Amino acid sequence: MKIQYIALISVLLTGYCIGATLTVSNIVGSIGDAVIIPIQLKNNKTVVGIQFDVTFNSSVLSVKSLLKGTDIGNAMISSLAIEANTYRVIIINLNKNNLNNGELIKLNFKINTQANIGIYPIDIHNIQATNTKALTLTIDPKNIHSGSIKIQQ
């Protein structure tokens, strides 16, 4: 009986973030270049805070910095390299307004001089979002779009 109540409370304290989309852009760069890869939030009607991990091939790319996106507004950003190929990003709007639709952040990468020509994925994982009531929201997996970098000569 106790387990049933815990399961019911867990279901009630989570929500579904209908329509929100998180997208990593596809870009092209050359060996040795610095490149900017935007991450965008679209169709947001409920998310005030979000955390996610960005993974990439660390033998090809190295993170130089994380920049505020053009549509971030007054939201706060924090980031941390948790592994050589994984960067954790946290974005929160302390005024409890929804995060703006549009460009949230820009990842500033350097394409390593030893990189081979090819297409390399940039993925988003471990997404956690919250609304104004501090309830956990789930973004539909079909609305999470990883990107890539095409490295040319």
Protein backbone atom coordinates (compact mmCIF):
# COMPACT_ATOMS: atom_id res chain seq x y z
CA MET A 1 0.00 0.00 0.00
CA LYS A 2 2.85 2.39 0.88
CA ILE A 3 4.58 1.71 -2.44
CA GLN A 4 1.37 2.54 -4.33
CA TYR A 5 1.14 5.93 -2.60
CA ILE A 6 4.77 6.71 -3.36
CA ALA A 7 4.23 5.81 -7.01
CA LEU A 8 1.09 8.00 -7.16
CA ILE A 9 2.90 10.97 -5.57
CA SER A 10 5.78 10.52 -8.03
CA VAL A 11 3.36 10.66 -10.97
CA LEU A 12 1.60 13.74 -9.56
CA LEU A 13 4.89 15.62 -9.02
CA THR A 14 6.04 15.26 -12.61
CA GLY A 15 4.57 16.85 -15.67
CA TYR A 16 4.82 16.59 -19.40
CA CYS A 17 6.23 19.56 -21.23
CA ILE A 18 3.91 19.55 -24.23
CA GLY A 19 5.52 20.78 -27.42
CA ALA A 20 8.82 22.12 -26.03
CA THR A 21 11.72 21.31 -28.34
CA LEU A 22 15.46 21.37 -27.57
CA THR A 23 17.73 21.47 -30.65
CA VAL A 24 21.47 21.47 -31.27
CA SER A 25 22.38 23.14 -34.57
CA ASN A 26 24.27 21.42 -37.39
CA ILE A 27 27.36 23.35 -38.44
CA VAL A 28 30.36 23.10 -40.74
CA GLY A 29 33.95 23.91 -39.81
CA SER A 30 37.53 23.30 -40.85
CA ILE A 31 40.42 21.68 -38.98
CA GLY A 32 41.87 24.18 -36.48
CA ASP A 33 38.82 26.52 -36.57
CA ALA A 34 36.89 27.90 -33.62
CA VAL A 35 33.17 27.24 -34.14
CA ILE A 36 29.99 28.29 -32.35
CA ILE A 37 27.23 25.70 -31.94
CA PRO A 38 23.87 27.14 -30.80
CA ILE A 39 21.34 25.22 -28.70
CA GLN A 40 17.75 26.39 -29.04
CA LEU A 41 14.53 25.99 -27.06
CA LYS A 42 11.30 26.28 -29.04
CA ASN A 43 7.58 26.05 -28.25
CA ASN A 44 8.24 26.57 -24.54
CA LYS A 45 5.18 27.38 -22.46
CA THR A 46 6.19 26.00 -19.03
CA VAL A 47 9.97 25.56 -18.57
CA VAL A 48 11.66 28.02 -16.16
CA GLY A 49 14.77 25.92 -15.59
CA ILE A 50 16.59 23.19 -17.48
CA GLN A 51 19.67 21.03 -17.05
CA PHE A 52 21.23 18.82 -19.70
CA ASP A 53 24.50 17.19 -20.71
CA VAL A 54 26.10 17.85 -24.09
CA THR A 55 28.33 15.05 -25.37
CA PHE A 56 30.81 15.26 -28.23
CA ASN A 57 33.93 13.56 -29.56
CA SER A 58 36.72 15.04 -27.40
CA SER A 59 39.42 13.84 -29.80
CA VAL A 60 37.86 16.15 -32.42
CA LEU A 61 36.47 19.05 -30.36
CA SER A 62 37.49 20.90 -27.21
CA VAL A 63 35.26 23.37 -25.37
CA LYS A 64 36.66 26.90 -25.23
CA SER A 65 33.67 28.47 -23.47
CA LEU A 66 29.94 28.55 -23.10
CA LEU A 67 28.27 31.79 -24.21
CA LYS A 68 24.82 33.20 -23.46
CA GLY A 69 22.45 32.79 -26.36
CA THR A 70 20.79 35.78 -27.98
CA ASP A 71 17.40 34.89 -26.46
CA ILE A 72 18.45 33.92 -22.93
CA GLY A 73 17.27 37.16 -21.32
CA ASN A 74 18.11 37.42 -17.61
CA ALA A 75 18.37 33.68 -17.00
CA MET A 76 21.45 32.43 -15.17
CA ILE A 77 23.75 29.86 -16.76
CA SER A 78 26.17 27.51 -15.09
CA SER A 79 28.27 24.84 -16.78
CA LEU A 80 30.83 22.22 -15.87
CA ALA A 81 32.97 19.72 -17.74
CA ILE A 82 32.06 16.43 -16.06
CA GLU A 83 34.14 14.29 -18.41
CA ALA A 84 36.44 14.98 -21.34
CA ASN A 85 33.52 14.48 -23.74
CA THR A 86 30.62 15.74 -21.57
CA TYR A 87 29.62 19.25 -20.60
CA ARG A 88 26.76 19.82 -18.10
CA VAL A 89 24.64 22.95 -18.60
CA ILE A 90 22.18 24.44 -16.11
CA ILE A 91 19.91 27.35 -17.06
CA ILE A 92 17.42 28.90 -14.61
CA ASN A 93 15.20 31.94 -14.65
CA LEU A 94 15.17 33.12 -11.01
CA ASN A 95 12.26 35.50 -11.63
CA LYS A 96 10.06 32.43 -12.32
CA ASN A 97 9.29 33.48 -15.87
CA ASN A 98 9.43 30.86 -18.57
CA LEU A 99 12.71 30.61 -20.45
CA ASN A 100 12.49 32.50 -23.72
CA ASN A 101 12.02 30.61 -26.94
CA GLY A 102 15.07 30.83 -29.17
CA GLU A 103 18.82 30.54 -28.70
CA LEU A 104 19.62 29.56 -25.10
CA ILE A 105 23.36 29.02 -25.29
CA LYS A 106 26.23 28.87 -27.73
CA LEU A 107 28.98 26.30 -27.29
CA ASN A 108 32.32 27.71 -28.38
CA PHE A 109 34.40 24.76 -29.62
CA LYS A 110 37.88 24.49 -31.13
CA ILE A 111 38.29 21.85 -33.83
CA ASN A 112 41.49 20.00 -32.96
CA THR A 113 44.30 20.12 -35.50
CA GLN A 114 44.50 16.28 -35.42
CA ALA A 115 40.80 15.90 -36.31
CA ASN A 116 39.85 13.83 -39.34
CA ILE A 117 37.43 15.06 -41.97
CA GLY A 118 33.94 13.74 -41.29
CA ILE A 119 30.63 14.29 -39.53
CA TYR A 120 30.60 14.06 -35.72
CA PRO A 121 27.48 14.07 -33.51
CA ILE A 122 26.81 16.55 -30.73
CA ASP A 123 24.18 14.99 -28.48
CA ILE A 124 21.96 16.16 -25.62
CA HIS A 125 21.32 13.73 -22.73
CA ASN A 126 20.04 13.64 -19.14
CA ILE A 127 17.54 16.45 -19.62
CA GLN A 128 15.78 17.70 -16.52
CA ALA A 129 13.35 20.61 -16.66
CA THR A 130 11.22 22.38 -14.07
CA ASN A 131 8.26 24.75 -14.00
CA THR A 132 7.30 27.66 -11.70
CA LYS A 133 6.01 25.22 -9.06
CA ALA A 134 9.36 23.38 -9.00
CA LEU A 135 7.76 20.31 -10.51
CA THR A 136 9.86 18.10 -12.77
CA LEU A 137 8.87 18.26 -16.43
CA THR A 138 9.60 15.72 -19.11
CA ILE A 139 10.42 16.87 -22.62
CA ASP A 140 9.13 14.40 -25.16
CA PRO A 141 12.15 12.48 -26.55
CA LYS A 142 10.90 13.06 -30.12
CA ASN A 143 11.36 16.81 -29.45
CA ILE A 144 15.05 16.47 -28.53
CA HIS A 145 17.23 16.98 -31.59
CA SER A 146 20.93 16.32 -31.50
CA GLY A 147 23.18 18.13 -33.96
CA SER A 148 26.48 17.56 -35.63
CA ILE A 149 29.60 19.21 -36.91
CA LYS A 150 30.84 18.48 -40.40
CA ILE A 151 34.61 18.91 -40.51
CA GLN A 152 36.08 19.74 -43.87
CA GLN A 153 39.57 20.50 -45.10
